[in-house]
Protein backbone atom coordinates (compact mmCIF):
# COMPACT_ATOMS: atom_id res chain seq x y z
CA MET A 1 -16.08 -1.20 -25.82
CA HIS A 2 -17.89 -1.22 -22.47
CA PRO A 3 -16.94 1.78 -20.23
CA ASN A 4 -15.99 -0.48 -17.29
CA ILE A 5 -13.52 -2.38 -19.46
CA LEU A 6 -11.92 0.91 -20.57
CA THR A 7 -11.61 1.94 -16.92
CA LEU A 8 -10.03 -1.40 -16.04
CA VAL A 9 -7.54 -1.20 -18.91
CA ALA A 10 -6.62 2.40 -18.01
CA THR A 11 -6.15 1.44 -14.35
CA VAL A 12 -3.83 -1.44 -15.27
CA PHE A 13 -1.61 0.79 -17.42
CA VAL A 14 -1.51 3.64 -14.88
CA GLY A 15 -0.65 1.19 -12.08
CA LYS A 16 2.13 -0.31 -14.13
CA ALA A 17 3.64 3.10 -14.88
CA ALA A 18 3.91 3.91 -11.17
CA ALA A 19 5.33 0.55 -10.05
CA GLN A 20 8.42 0.29 -7.84
CA GLN A 21 11.66 -0.46 -9.71
CA VAL A 22 13.59 -3.65 -8.91
CA GLY A 23 17.13 -3.19 -7.62
CA THR A 24 19.91 -5.38 -9.00
CA TYR A 25 22.77 -4.93 -6.52
CA THR A 26 21.59 -7.50 -3.94
CA THR A 27 19.74 -10.62 -5.02
CA GLU A 28 16.53 -11.28 -3.09
CA THR A 29 16.83 -14.83 -1.79
CA HIS A 30 14.29 -15.70 0.88
CA PRO A 31 15.42 -18.10 3.63
CA ARG A 32 13.35 -21.28 3.38
CA MET A 33 11.57 -22.65 6.41
CA THR A 34 9.12 -25.41 7.28
CA TRP A 35 6.40 -24.92 9.88
CA GLN A 36 3.30 -26.76 11.06
CA ARG A 37 -0.29 -25.86 10.19
CA CYS A 38 -2.63 -27.46 12.70
CA SER A 39 -6.40 -27.85 12.68
CA SER A 40 -8.69 -27.44 15.67
CA GLY A 41 -8.95 -31.25 15.74
CA GLY A 42 -5.24 -31.52 16.52
CA SER A 43 -3.90 -32.85 13.23
CA CYS A 44 -0.90 -31.00 11.79
CA THR A 45 0.71 -30.88 8.37
CA SER A 46 4.09 -29.50 7.37
CA VAL A 47 4.13 -26.35 5.27
CA LYS A 48 7.18 -25.28 3.25
CA GLY A 49 7.59 -21.53 2.92
CA GLU A 50 10.00 -18.62 2.88
CA LEU A 51 10.68 -15.60 5.08
CA VAL A 52 10.48 -12.06 3.74
CA ILE A 53 11.77 -8.90 5.41
CA ASP A 54 9.62 -5.79 5.15
CA SER A 55 10.60 -3.39 2.37
CA ASN A 56 10.91 -0.64 4.98
CA TRP A 57 14.28 -2.14 6.01
CA ARG A 58 15.71 -2.51 2.50
CA TRP A 59 17.88 -0.17 0.50
CA VAL A 60 15.94 2.18 -1.79
CA HIS A 61 18.27 3.96 -4.18
CA ASP A 62 18.53 5.74 -7.53
CA LYS A 63 17.81 3.00 -10.08
CA ASN A 64 20.92 3.99 -12.06
CA GLY A 65 23.34 4.35 -9.17
CA TYR A 66 23.99 4.32 -5.46
CA THR A 67 22.32 7.54 -4.26
CA ASN A 68 19.81 6.88 -1.48
CA CYS A 69 16.22 7.81 -2.23
CA TYR A 70 15.42 7.86 1.49
CA THR A 71 17.79 9.03 4.24
CA ALA A 72 17.21 10.06 7.85
CA ASN A 73 13.40 9.86 7.58
CA GLU A 74 13.22 12.05 4.48
CA TRP A 75 12.84 11.35 0.77
CA ASN A 76 15.49 12.76 -1.56
CA SER A 77 13.61 15.67 -3.16
CA THR A 78 15.82 15.63 -6.27
CA ILE A 79 15.06 11.99 -7.11
CA CYS A 80 11.59 11.89 -5.54
CA ALA A 81 9.89 15.16 -6.39
CA ASP A 82 6.52 13.37 -6.30
CA ASN A 83 5.12 9.83 -6.08
CA GLN A 84 5.41 9.19 -9.82
CA SER A 85 9.04 10.32 -10.12
CA CYS A 86 9.99 8.38 -7.00
CA ALA A 87 8.44 5.18 -8.37
CA ALA A 88 10.14 5.73 -11.73
CA ASN A 89 13.57 6.74 -10.36
CA CYS A 90 14.05 4.58 -7.27
CA ALA A 91 14.79 0.88 -7.00
CA LEU A 92 14.16 -1.40 -4.03
CA ASP A 93 17.04 -3.82 -3.60
CA GLY A 94 17.02 -7.32 -2.18
CA ALA A 95 18.10 -8.18 1.35
CA ASP A 96 21.08 -10.14 2.65
CA TYR A 97 19.10 -11.89 5.38
CA SER A 98 21.99 -13.49 7.25
CA GLY A 99 24.79 -11.00 6.54
CA THR A 100 22.90 -7.78 7.21
CA TYR A 101 19.94 -8.78 9.38
CA GLY A 102 21.17 -11.91 11.19
CA ALA A 103 18.20 -14.02 10.10
CA THR A 104 18.94 -17.67 9.29
CA THR A 105 16.82 -20.80 9.03
CA SER A 106 17.41 -24.51 9.34
CA GLY A 107 14.47 -26.87 8.87
CA ASN A 108 11.76 -25.55 11.18
CA ALA A 109 14.07 -23.26 13.18
CA LEU A 110 14.49 -19.51 12.74
CA THR A 111 17.51 -17.84 14.36
CA LEU A 112 17.57 -14.05 14.77
CA LYS A 113 20.78 -12.40 15.96
CA PHE A 114 20.41 -9.36 18.17
CA VAL A 115 23.59 -7.70 16.80
CA THR A 116 24.75 -8.29 13.23
CA LYS A 117 27.96 -6.75 11.91
CA GLY A 118 27.51 -6.46 8.15
CA SER A 119 29.82 -5.26 5.38
CA TYR A 120 28.53 -1.69 5.55
CA SER A 121 26.84 -1.38 8.93
CA THR A 122 26.06 -2.87 12.32
CA ASN A 123 22.39 -3.68 12.90
CA ILE A 124 20.98 -3.87 16.39
CA CYS A 125 17.90 -6.09 16.73
CA SER A 126 16.94 -8.21 13.74
CA ARG A 127 14.01 -6.94 11.73
CA SER A 128 12.40 -10.12 10.43
C-alpha cells in the first residue's frame, strides 16, 4: 500500500478516536430562517437555512451523567486530564434556542431577547 494512503487511513482513525461526544439531554433543533442572497446586479433569491449557536455557549458534561466538564473558565481535571480523555469523556449537548437563549425566528425575521429566564438560569444578552 502507498505510504500516503497509510498516513491518510491512520489520520482518519486517530481523528475519529478524539471526536467530541454527542449529548442526549437536549435535542439540537436549529431555528429555520429564510434570507436573501443578492448579486451585484441587484437580483435576489431566497435562501432557506438554519441558525446555529456557537458550541462555546452549550453545556459540556460527563457523557454518562450531569457533571460539568467546564466550569468557571476551567476544565474539570478529573474528567479532562488531557485532550484525549476530555474528548472521550465529555458530551456537547444541544441548545434550547428560545427557552435558554431567547432566539426565535419567523420567516425572514430573527428575534433576540436581551434577558431570557430559562428553567435553570437567567441569560443576559442573547448569544446567537
